[in-house]
N, C-alpha and C. Protein backbone atom coordinates (compact mmCIF):
# COMPACT_ATOMS: atom_id res chain seq x y z
N UNK A 1 -40.05 52.42 79.39
CA UNK A 1 -39.82 51.00 79.20
C UNK A 1 -38.87 50.36 79.28
N UNK A 2 -38.48 49.59 79.72
CA UNK A 2 -37.37 48.75 80.10
C UNK A 2 -37.02 47.41 79.12
N UNK A 3 -35.55 47.42 78.90
CA UNK A 3 -35.07 46.32 78.43
C UNK A 3 -33.77 45.63 79.16
N UNK A 4 -33.22 44.78 78.17
CA UNK A 4 -31.82 44.18 78.76
C UNK A 4 -30.76 44.27 77.93
N UNK A 5 -29.73 44.90 78.26
CA UNK A 5 -28.58 44.72 77.72
C UNK A 5 -27.53 43.74 78.53
N UNK A 6 -26.46 43.37 77.41
CA UNK A 6 -25.62 42.52 78.21
C UNK A 6 -24.69 43.28 78.88
N UNK A 7 -24.10 42.51 79.91
CA UNK A 7 -22.87 43.07 80.78
C UNK A 7 -22.00 41.79 81.04
N UNK A 8 -20.56 42.40 81.43
CA UNK A 8 -19.55 41.32 81.84
C UNK A 8 -18.88 41.91 82.77
N UNK A 9 -19.29 41.26 83.80
CA UNK A 9 -18.31 41.65 85.21
C UNK A 9 -16.81 41.22 85.26
N UNK A 10 -16.65 39.95 84.62
CA UNK A 10 -15.27 39.44 84.30
C UNK A 10 -15.18 38.88 83.08
N UNK A 11 -14.16 38.22 82.72
CA UNK A 11 -13.86 37.81 81.48
C UNK A 11 -14.46 36.25 81.08
N UNK A 12 -14.99 35.84 82.01
CA UNK A 12 -15.49 34.40 81.95
C UNK A 12 -16.52 34.03 80.70
N UNK A 13 -17.36 34.85 80.34
CA UNK A 13 -17.98 34.76 79.30
C UNK A 13 -16.94 34.15 78.14
N UNK A 14 -15.79 34.82 77.64
CA UNK A 14 -14.93 34.33 77.03
C UNK A 14 -14.45 33.29 76.60
N UNK A 15 -14.67 32.85 77.92
CA UNK A 15 -13.69 31.11 77.75
C UNK A 15 -15.08 29.95 78.06
N UNK A 16 -16.08 30.66 78.44
CA UNK A 16 -17.05 29.53 78.57
C UNK A 16 -18.22 29.09 77.09
N UNK A 17 -18.47 30.52 76.68
CA UNK A 17 -19.27 30.07 75.52
C UNK A 17 -18.50 30.61 73.73
N UNK A 18 -19.08 29.80 73.04
CA UNK A 18 -18.67 29.55 71.92
C UNK A 18 -18.19 30.88 71.25
N UNK A 19 -19.10 32.30 71.55
CA UNK A 19 -18.77 33.45 71.29
C UNK A 19 -19.37 34.10 72.52
N UNK A 20 -18.60 34.97 73.02
CA UNK A 20 -19.01 35.78 73.78
C UNK A 20 -19.42 36.93 73.66
N UNK A 21 -20.87 37.80 74.04
CA UNK A 21 -21.36 39.03 73.62
C UNK A 21 -20.54 39.84 74.19
N UNK A 22 -20.38 41.09 73.64
CA UNK A 22 -19.81 42.53 73.83
C UNK A 22 -20.82 42.90 74.72
N UNK A 23 -20.25 43.76 76.00
CA UNK A 23 -21.19 44.90 76.63
C UNK A 23 -22.02 45.54 76.04
N UNK A 24 -23.33 45.49 76.49
CA UNK A 24 -23.93 47.18 76.01
C UNK A 24 -24.96 46.55 74.75
N UNK A 25 -24.92 45.30 74.05
CA UNK A 25 -25.79 44.71 73.31
C UNK A 25 -27.30 44.77 73.72
N UNK A 26 -28.10 44.39 72.93
CA UNK A 26 -29.41 43.74 73.36
C UNK A 26 -29.61 42.77 73.73
N UNK A 27 -30.16 42.20 74.84
CA UNK A 27 -29.96 40.99 75.15
C UNK A 27 -31.69 40.13 75.39
N UNK A 28 -31.88 39.03 74.60
CA UNK A 28 -32.92 38.07 74.85
C UNK A 28 -32.54 36.63 75.21
N UNK A 29 -33.72 36.22 75.34
CA UNK A 29 -33.59 34.79 76.09
C UNK A 29 -32.42 33.51 74.56
N UNK A 30 -32.99 33.81 73.70
CA UNK A 30 -32.14 33.18 72.76
C UNK A 30 -32.50 31.51 72.58
N UNK A 31 -33.52 31.18 73.27
CA UNK A 31 -34.07 29.72 73.72
C UNK A 31 -34.42 29.16 72.28
N UNK A 32 -34.40 29.82 71.21
CA UNK A 32 -35.12 29.54 69.96
C UNK A 32 -33.97 29.22 69.23
N UNK A 33 -32.49 29.35 69.68
CA UNK A 33 -31.34 29.00 68.89
C UNK A 33 -31.14 27.36 68.98
N UNK A 34 -31.65 27.00 70.00
CA UNK A 34 -31.41 25.26 70.44
C UNK A 34 -33.03 24.30 69.89
N UNK A 35 -33.95 25.09 69.15
CA UNK A 35 -35.18 24.66 68.87
C UNK A 35 -35.16 23.14 68.15
N UNK A 36 -34.08 23.47 67.29
CA UNK A 36 -34.18 22.17 66.38
C UNK A 36 -33.02 21.37 66.83
N UNK A 37 -32.48 21.47 67.88
CA UNK A 37 -31.28 20.91 68.06
C UNK A 37 -31.66 19.53 68.98
N UNK A 38 -30.37 18.50 68.79
CA UNK A 38 -30.45 17.32 69.89
C UNK A 38 -29.99 17.54 71.10
N UNK A 39 -30.56 18.13 72.18
CA UNK A 39 -29.88 18.54 73.27
C UNK A 39 -28.90 18.12 73.66
N UNK A 40 -29.30 16.55 73.76
CA UNK A 40 -28.32 15.40 74.33
C UNK A 40 -26.92 15.46 73.62
N UNK A 41 -26.73 16.23 72.55
CA UNK A 41 -25.49 16.08 71.70
C UNK A 41 -24.92 17.52 72.02
N UNK A 42 -25.31 18.53 72.76
CA UNK A 42 -24.47 19.55 72.95
C UNK A 42 -23.46 19.16 74.33
N UNK A 43 -21.98 19.77 73.88
CA UNK A 43 -21.13 19.44 74.65
C UNK A 43 -20.47 20.77 74.55
N UNK A 44 -19.43 21.03 75.63
CA UNK A 44 -18.42 22.06 75.96
C UNK A 44 -19.28 23.31 75.92
N UNK A 45 -18.99 24.22 75.02
CA UNK A 45 -19.15 25.64 74.98
C UNK A 45 -20.58 25.82 74.44
N UNK A 46 -21.04 25.13 73.54
CA UNK A 46 -22.40 25.15 73.19
C UNK A 46 -23.43 24.63 74.33
N UNK A 47 -23.35 23.57 75.12
CA UNK A 47 -23.91 23.05 76.32
C UNK A 47 -23.69 24.18 77.24
N UNK A 48 -22.86 25.01 77.67
CA UNK A 48 -22.91 26.37 78.17
C UNK A 48 -23.74 27.34 77.75
N UNK A 49 -23.70 27.24 76.50
CA UNK A 49 -24.73 28.58 76.06
C UNK A 49 -26.04 28.28 76.32
N UNK A 50 -26.26 26.90 76.01
CA UNK A 50 -27.54 26.39 76.16
C UNK A 50 -28.12 26.48 77.69
N UNK A 51 -27.25 26.46 78.62
CA UNK A 51 -27.61 26.57 80.11
C UNK A 51 -27.74 27.64 80.60
N UNK A 52 -26.89 28.42 80.16
CA UNK A 52 -26.93 29.95 81.16
C UNK A 52 -26.93 30.85 80.03
N UNK A 53 -26.64 30.72 78.99
CA UNK A 53 -26.64 32.25 77.91
C UNK A 53 -27.89 32.80 77.45
N UNK A 54 -27.44 33.88 77.56
CA UNK A 54 -28.53 35.39 77.49
C UNK A 54 -28.07 35.45 75.74
N UNK A 55 -28.67 35.54 74.75
CA UNK A 55 -28.07 35.71 73.48
C UNK A 55 -28.18 37.41 73.36
N UNK A 56 -26.97 37.90 72.72
CA UNK A 56 -26.94 39.18 72.55
C UNK A 56 -27.48 39.75 71.12
N UNK A 57 -27.73 40.52 70.54
CA UNK A 57 -28.32 41.09 69.45
C UNK A 57 -27.41 42.33 69.09
N UNK A 58 -26.47 42.86 67.90
CA UNK A 58 -26.83 41.67 66.75
C UNK A 58 -25.58 40.69 66.62
N UNK A 59 -24.39 40.99 67.67
CA UNK A 59 -23.28 39.62 67.59
C UNK A 59 -23.75 38.37 67.58
N UNK A 60 -25.01 38.03 68.38
CA UNK A 60 -25.45 36.67 68.34
C UNK A 60 -24.49 35.71 69.45
N UNK A 61 -23.58 36.67 70.09
CA UNK A 61 -22.81 35.79 71.03
C UNK A 61 -23.58 35.85 72.21
N UNK A 62 -22.82 35.32 73.61
CA UNK A 62 -23.62 34.56 74.85
C UNK A 62 -23.28 35.67 75.83
N UNK A 63 -24.08 36.03 76.60
CA UNK A 63 -23.47 36.49 77.83
C UNK A 63 -23.99 35.77 79.08
N UNK A 64 -23.39 35.99 79.87
CA UNK A 64 -24.37 35.28 81.28
C UNK A 64 -25.16 36.14 81.82
N UNK A 65 -24.89 37.34 81.87
CA UNK A 65 -25.88 38.29 82.59
C UNK A 65 -26.40 39.52 81.76
N UNK A 66 -27.49 39.92 81.79
CA UNK A 66 -28.03 41.30 81.34
C UNK A 66 -28.27 42.04 82.24
N UNK A 67 -28.50 43.48 81.97
CA UNK A 67 -28.57 44.43 83.20
C UNK A 67 -30.19 45.15 82.46
N UNK A 68 -31.04 45.16 83.70
CA UNK A 68 -32.26 45.89 82.90
C UNK A 68 -31.89 47.52 82.86
N UNK A 69 -32.37 48.14 81.73
CA UNK A 69 -31.97 49.64 81.38
C UNK A 69 -33.25 50.21 81.20
N UNK A 70 -33.32 51.33 81.10
CA UNK A 70 -34.35 52.43 80.75
C UNK A 70 -34.03 52.70 79.16
N UNK A 71 -35.40 52.33 78.34
CA UNK A 71 -35.46 52.66 77.03
C UNK A 71 -36.48 53.33 76.70
N UNK A 72 -36.27 53.86 75.22
CA UNK A 72 -37.56 54.61 74.81
C UNK A 72 -38.17 53.78 73.55
N UNK A 73 -39.06 54.17 72.88
CA UNK A 73 -39.95 53.47 72.08
C UNK A 73 -38.80 53.49 70.65
N UNK A 74 -38.14 54.34 69.95
CA UNK A 74 -37.03 54.34 69.59
C UNK A 74 -36.07 53.02 69.80
N UNK A 75 -35.43 53.26 70.91
CA UNK A 75 -34.37 51.76 71.30
C UNK A 75 -35.21 50.63 70.96
N UNK A 76 -36.63 50.33 71.58
CA UNK A 76 -36.86 49.23 71.34
C UNK A 76 -37.22 48.96 70.07
N UNK A 77 -37.63 49.57 68.94
CA UNK A 77 -37.74 49.38 67.65
C UNK A 77 -36.23 48.90 66.84
N UNK A 78 -35.48 49.58 67.21
CA UNK A 78 -33.99 49.74 66.90
C UNK A 78 -33.68 47.84 67.36
N UNK A 79 -34.04 47.58 68.51
CA UNK A 79 -33.52 46.32 68.95
C UNK A 79 -34.43 45.52 68.11
N UNK A 80 -36.00 45.57 67.72
CA UNK A 80 -36.29 44.73 66.65
C UNK A 80 -35.89 44.39 65.31
N UNK A 81 -35.76 45.60 64.74
CA UNK A 81 -35.00 45.77 63.51
C UNK A 81 -33.62 45.09 63.78
N UNK A 82 -32.81 44.85 64.45
CA UNK A 82 -31.59 44.35 64.21
C UNK A 82 -31.71 43.11 64.73
N UNK A 83 -32.84 42.55 65.58
CA UNK A 83 -32.96 41.37 65.50
C UNK A 83 -33.71 40.54 64.31
N UNK A 84 -34.44 41.26 64.04
CA UNK A 84 -35.31 40.82 62.64
C UNK A 84 -34.44 40.48 61.48
N UNK A 85 -33.19 41.50 61.11
CA UNK A 85 -31.94 41.14 60.22
C UNK A 85 -31.37 40.04 60.63
N UNK A 86 -31.14 40.02 61.78
CA UNK A 86 -30.14 38.70 62.47
C UNK A 86 -31.46 37.25 61.67
N UNK A 87 -32.38 37.04 61.94
CA UNK A 87 -33.24 36.33 61.54
C UNK A 87 -33.42 35.71 60.03
N UNK A 88 -33.31 36.88 59.11
CA UNK A 88 -33.38 36.60 58.20
C UNK A 88 -31.89 36.24 57.64
N UNK A 89 -30.91 37.13 57.91
CA UNK A 89 -29.28 36.56 57.80
C UNK A 89 -29.02 35.19 57.94
N UNK A 90 -29.42 35.22 59.38
CA UNK A 90 -28.58 34.28 60.30
C UNK A 90 -29.45 32.61 60.14
N UNK A 91 -30.79 33.03 60.34
CA UNK A 91 -31.46 31.81 60.84
C UNK A 91 -32.58 31.36 59.56
N UNK A 92 -32.54 31.82 58.69
CA UNK A 92 -33.33 31.73 57.35
C UNK A 92 -34.59 32.13 57.66
N UNK A 93 -35.39 33.15 58.27
CA UNK A 93 -36.89 33.63 58.53
C UNK A 93 -36.64 33.79 56.67
N UNK A 94 -38.50 33.71 56.18
CA UNK A 94 -39.10 33.54 55.09
C UNK A 94 -38.73 34.88 54.47
N UNK A 95 -39.23 36.03 55.10
CA UNK A 95 -39.31 37.42 54.86
C UNK A 95 -39.22 38.43 55.96
N UNK A 96 -38.98 39.55 55.97
CA UNK A 96 -38.84 40.44 56.59
C UNK A 96 -40.38 40.90 57.63
N UNK A 97 -41.60 40.74 56.99
CA UNK A 97 -42.70 40.92 57.94
C UNK A 97 -42.59 39.62 58.93
N UNK A 98 -42.09 38.53 58.85
CA UNK A 98 -42.03 36.98 59.44
C UNK A 98 -41.08 37.59 60.31
N UNK A 99 -40.09 38.03 60.15
CA UNK A 99 -38.76 38.10 61.16
C UNK A 99 -39.08 39.15 62.01
N UNK A 100 -39.67 40.27 61.52
CA UNK A 100 -40.11 41.93 62.56
C UNK A 100 -41.12 40.92 63.35
N UNK A 101 -42.00 40.24 63.37
CA UNK A 101 -43.15 39.75 63.93
C UNK A 101 -42.21 38.92 65.38
N UNK A 102 -41.48 37.66 64.77
CA UNK A 102 -40.74 36.91 65.76
C UNK A 102 -40.02 37.65 66.59
N UNK A 103 -39.08 38.82 65.89
CA UNK A 103 -38.18 39.62 66.66
C UNK A 103 -39.07 40.58 67.62
N UNK A 104 -40.26 40.73 67.35
CA UNK A 104 -41.06 41.90 68.25
C UNK A 104 -41.18 41.16 69.49
N UNK A 105 -41.76 39.75 69.33
CA UNK A 105 -42.38 38.60 69.94
C UNK A 105 -40.68 38.44 71.24
N UNK A 106 -39.49 38.24 70.42
CA UNK A 106 -38.56 37.91 71.43
C UNK A 106 -38.05 38.97 72.44
N UNK A 107 -38.13 40.41 71.69
CA UNK A 107 -38.11 41.67 72.28
C UNK A 107 -38.95 42.06 73.45
N UNK A 108 -40.14 41.28 73.14
CA UNK A 108 -41.32 41.95 74.19
C UNK A 108 -41.31 40.66 75.37
N UNK A 109 -40.47 39.65 75.15
CA UNK A 109 -40.31 38.68 76.19
C UNK A 109 -39.57 39.05 76.73
N UNK A 110 -38.09 39.60 76.35
CA UNK A 110 -37.19 40.22 76.97
C UNK A 110 -37.75 41.16 78.05
N UNK A 111 -38.33 42.46 77.40
CA UNK A 111 -39.29 43.20 78.43
C UNK A 111 -39.90 42.41 79.50
N UNK A 112 -40.29 41.73 79.42
CA UNK A 112 -41.22 40.89 80.62
C UNK A 112 -40.44 40.63 81.60
N UNK A 113 -39.48 40.55 81.40
CA UNK A 113 -38.36 40.35 82.26
C UNK A 113 -37.70 41.44 83.12
N UNK A 114 -37.99 42.46 82.84
CA UNK A 114 -37.38 43.43 83.28
C UNK A 114 -38.06 44.41 84.41
N UNK A 115 -38.92 43.61 85.07
CA UNK A 115 -40.27 44.17 86.23
C UNK A 115 -39.43 44.08 87.50
N UNK A 116 -38.26 44.82 87.18
CA UNK A 116 -37.18 44.90 88.30
C UNK A 116 -36.42 46.34 88.63
N UNK A 117 -35.99 46.85 89.36
CA UNK A 117 -35.14 48.19 89.29
C UNK A 117 -34.54 48.24 88.35
N UNK A 118 -34.05 49.65 87.85
CA UNK A 118 -33.22 49.45 86.74
C UNK A 118 -31.64 49.08 87.52
N UNK A 119 -30.82 48.82 86.74
CA UNK A 119 -29.33 48.21 86.97
C UNK A 119 -29.38 46.64 87.62
N UNK A 120 -30.97 45.71 87.82
CA UNK A 120 -30.79 44.83 88.36
C UNK A 120 -30.41 44.01 87.04
N UNK A 121 -29.52 42.86 87.59
CA UNK A 121 -28.88 41.89 86.56
C UNK A 121 -29.69 40.68 86.42
N UNK A 122 -29.86 40.31 85.19
CA UNK A 122 -30.62 38.86 84.91
C UNK A 122 -30.21 37.88 84.48
N UNK A 123 -30.17 36.89 85.04
CA UNK A 123 -29.27 35.41 84.49
C UNK A 123 -30.40 34.62 84.62
N UNK A 124 -30.16 33.61 83.11
CA UNK A 124 -31.06 32.16 82.71
C UNK A 124 -30.61 30.81 83.28
N UNK A 125 -31.34 30.03 83.82
CA UNK A 125 -30.93 28.57 83.69
C UNK A 125 -31.83 27.68 83.11
N UNK A 126 -31.31 27.49 81.87
CA UNK A 126 -32.03 26.42 80.80
C UNK A 126 -31.64 24.97 81.02
N UNK A 127 -33.10 24.18 80.77
CA UNK A 127 -32.78 22.98 80.76
C UNK A 127 -33.30 22.14 79.47
N UNK A 128 -33.41 21.07 79.55
CA UNK A 128 -34.27 20.18 78.24
C UNK A 128 -35.09 19.24 79.25
N UNK A 129 -36.08 19.22 79.19
CA UNK A 129 -36.98 18.26 79.85
C UNK A 129 -38.02 17.93 78.85
N UNK A 130 -38.29 16.53 78.46
CA UNK A 130 -39.13 15.83 77.52
C UNK A 130 -39.42 16.48 76.28
N UNK A 131 -38.17 16.63 75.74
CA UNK A 131 -38.33 17.27 74.68
C UNK A 131 -38.55 18.70 74.41
N UNK A 132 -38.73 19.28 75.67
CA UNK A 132 -39.07 21.00 75.75
C UNK A 132 -37.80 21.56 76.83
N UNK A 133 -37.60 22.69 76.10
CA UNK A 133 -36.86 23.80 76.81
C UNK A 133 -37.41 24.49 77.91
N UNK A 134 -37.26 24.54 78.99
CA UNK A 134 -37.62 25.25 80.80
C UNK A 134 -36.40 26.55 80.72
N UNK A 135 -36.77 27.44 81.00
CA UNK A 135 -36.15 28.63 81.56
C UNK A 135 -36.40 28.92 82.86
N UNK A 136 -35.30 29.33 83.46
CA UNK A 136 -35.89 29.47 84.89
C UNK A 136 -34.61 31.11 85.05
N UNK A 137 -35.63 32.21 85.53
CA UNK A 137 -34.74 33.57 84.81
C UNK A 137 -34.79 34.05 86.93
N UNK A 138 -33.48 34.55 86.97
CA UNK A 138 -33.37 35.11 88.38
C UNK A 138 -32.78 36.54 88.29
N UNK A 139 -33.15 37.19 89.24
CA UNK A 139 -32.69 38.83 89.50
C UNK A 139 -31.64 38.83 90.88
N UNK A 140 -30.45 39.71 90.17
CA UNK A 140 -29.59 39.80 91.28
C UNK A 140 -29.54 41.54 91.44
N UNK A 141 -29.62 42.00 92.74
CA UNK A 141 -29.77 42.99 92.97
C UNK A 141 -28.62 43.55 93.67
N UNK A 142 -28.27 44.63 93.63
CA UNK A 142 -26.77 45.32 94.67
C UNK A 142 -27.70 45.22 95.86
N UNK A 143 -27.18 45.08 97.17
CA UNK A 143 -27.55 45.39 98.22
C UNK A 143 -27.70 46.82 98.80
N UNK A 144 -26.35 47.56 98.18
CA UNK A 144 -26.37 48.92 98.53
C UNK A 144 -27.01 49.73 97.50
N UNK A 145 -27.76 49.05 96.64
CA UNK A 145 -28.36 49.98 95.55
C UNK A 145 -27.33 50.84 94.78
N UNK A 146 -26.35 50.24 94.20
CA UNK A 146 -25.26 51.24 93.39
C UNK A 146 -25.14 50.66 92.15
N UNK A 147 -25.07 51.36 91.30
CA UNK A 147 -24.44 50.87 89.88
C UNK A 147 -23.28 50.19 89.78
N UNK A 148 -22.24 50.37 90.93
CA UNK A 148 -21.11 49.69 90.49
C UNK A 148 -21.18 48.41 90.98
N UNK A 149 -20.96 47.35 90.14
CA UNK A 149 -20.93 46.09 90.46
C UNK A 149 -19.41 45.68 90.52
N UNK A 150 -19.30 45.21 91.55
CA UNK A 150 -18.11 44.92 91.94
C UNK A 150 -17.56 43.45 91.96
N UNK A 151 -16.92 42.51 91.35
CA UNK A 151 -16.64 41.06 91.45
C UNK A 151 -15.69 40.71 92.56
N UNK A 152 -14.61 41.63 92.48
CA UNK A 152 -13.57 41.56 93.50
C UNK A 152 -13.20 42.48 94.38
N UNK A 153 -13.13 42.63 95.60
CA UNK A 153 -12.54 44.04 96.07
C UNK A 153 -10.79 43.76 96.67
N UNK A 154 -10.24 44.42 96.23
CA UNK A 154 -8.50 44.24 96.71
C UNK A 154 -8.64 45.32 98.04
N UNK A 155 -8.09 45.02 99.21
CA UNK A 155 -7.43 45.96 100.17
C UNK A 155 -5.93 45.93 99.99
N UNK A 156 -5.71 47.12 100.33
CA UNK A 156 -4.49 47.92 100.29
C UNK A 156 -3.77 47.29 101.71
N UNK A 157 -2.65 46.59 101.72
CA UNK A 157 -1.69 45.93 102.70
C UNK A 157 -0.88 47.32 103.65
N UNK A 158 -1.08 47.45 104.64
CA UNK A 158 0.11 48.14 105.66
C UNK A 158 1.45 47.54 105.49
N UNK A 159 2.17 48.92 105.32
CA UNK A 159 3.73 48.46 104.98
C UNK A 159 4.35 47.71 106.52
N UNK A 160 3.85 47.93 107.21
CA UNK A 160 4.45 47.26 108.61
C UNK A 160 4.15 46.16 108.71
N UNK A 161 2.96 45.44 108.01
CA UNK A 161 2.65 44.07 107.99
C UNK A 161 3.50 43.00 107.32
N UNK A 162 4.03 42.09 107.89
CA UNK A 162 4.77 41.01 106.61
C UNK A 162 3.83 40.50 105.83
N UNK A 163 4.65 40.63 104.37
CA UNK A 163 3.82 39.68 103.80
C UNK A 163 4.52 38.61 103.08
N UNK A 164 3.41 38.04 102.65
CA UNK A 164 3.89 36.38 102.34
C UNK A 164 3.50 36.11 100.84
N UNK A 165 4.78 35.70 100.27
CA UNK A 165 4.54 35.50 98.89
C UNK A 165 4.57 33.88 98.38
N UNK A 166 3.84 33.82 97.06
CA UNK A 166 3.65 31.97 97.04
C UNK A 166 4.10 31.72 95.51
N UNK A 167 5.10 31.11 95.53
CA UNK A 167 5.59 30.91 93.91
C UNK A 167 4.25 29.68 93.26
N UNK A 168 3.43 30.57 92.52
CA UNK A 168 2.65 29.62 92.44
C UNK A 168 2.92 28.32 91.23
N UNK A 169 3.71 28.97 90.53
CA UNK A 169 4.36 28.20 88.99
C UNK A 169 5.25 26.87 89.73
N UNK A 170 5.81 26.93 91.08
CA UNK A 170 7.00 26.23 91.57
C UNK A 170 5.78 25.47 92.37
N UNK A 171 4.43 25.73 92.74
CA UNK A 171 3.91 24.83 93.32
C UNK A 171 3.16 23.95 92.32
N UNK A 172 2.61 24.24 91.13
CA UNK A 172 2.18 23.45 90.15
C UNK A 172 3.22 22.16 89.80
N UNK A 173 4.39 22.57 90.01
CA UNK A 173 5.64 22.10 89.41
C UNK A 173 5.82 20.82 90.43
N UNK A 174 5.26 21.12 91.56
CA UNK A 174 5.35 19.97 93.18
C UNK A 174 6.52 20.41 93.58
N UNK A 175 6.96 21.67 93.72
CA UNK A 175 7.89 22.23 94.47
C UNK A 175 7.75 22.69 95.63
N UNK A 176 8.41 22.45 96.41
CA UNK A 176 8.49 23.05 98.06
C UNK A 176 8.99 24.39 98.43
N UNK A 177 8.56 25.14 99.14
CA UNK A 177 9.70 26.36 99.42
C UNK A 177 10.35 26.00 100.36
């Protein structure tokens, strides 16, 4: 069985979302967070969360990416229980039975997105159309089939090559070298 866990490849989530998800939490779609909102009024970080955020449990932070991971029945149940608690505490679910039912549906939907090899990354693009929320999910796989996702690769410079330095703060002030 597979589920989604949040992953952070760079610090951008900490800048674009109202609350960023820590790496390693369970991830779900989270579209229900916006179901009672006037989507036309969303701005800034809340709009970013609507457009491209996956909801992390239990922090209820947002993540741009989630990773497909192998889990067992115990992990699945733990994710359901964590989400059910969040639904009661933060979203006003009427009772534990209703919260568990809703949590199970959300976790099962997240599991349905995991029909990919382990370590595949999942992203969402969410839009509001005709009063409805539409989601499109995409998967990103490493070309080399490795677990190490690198955002940037740095190459060492040879000692005999000339080095060029640029003073970015001087450029920002409009000063020329």
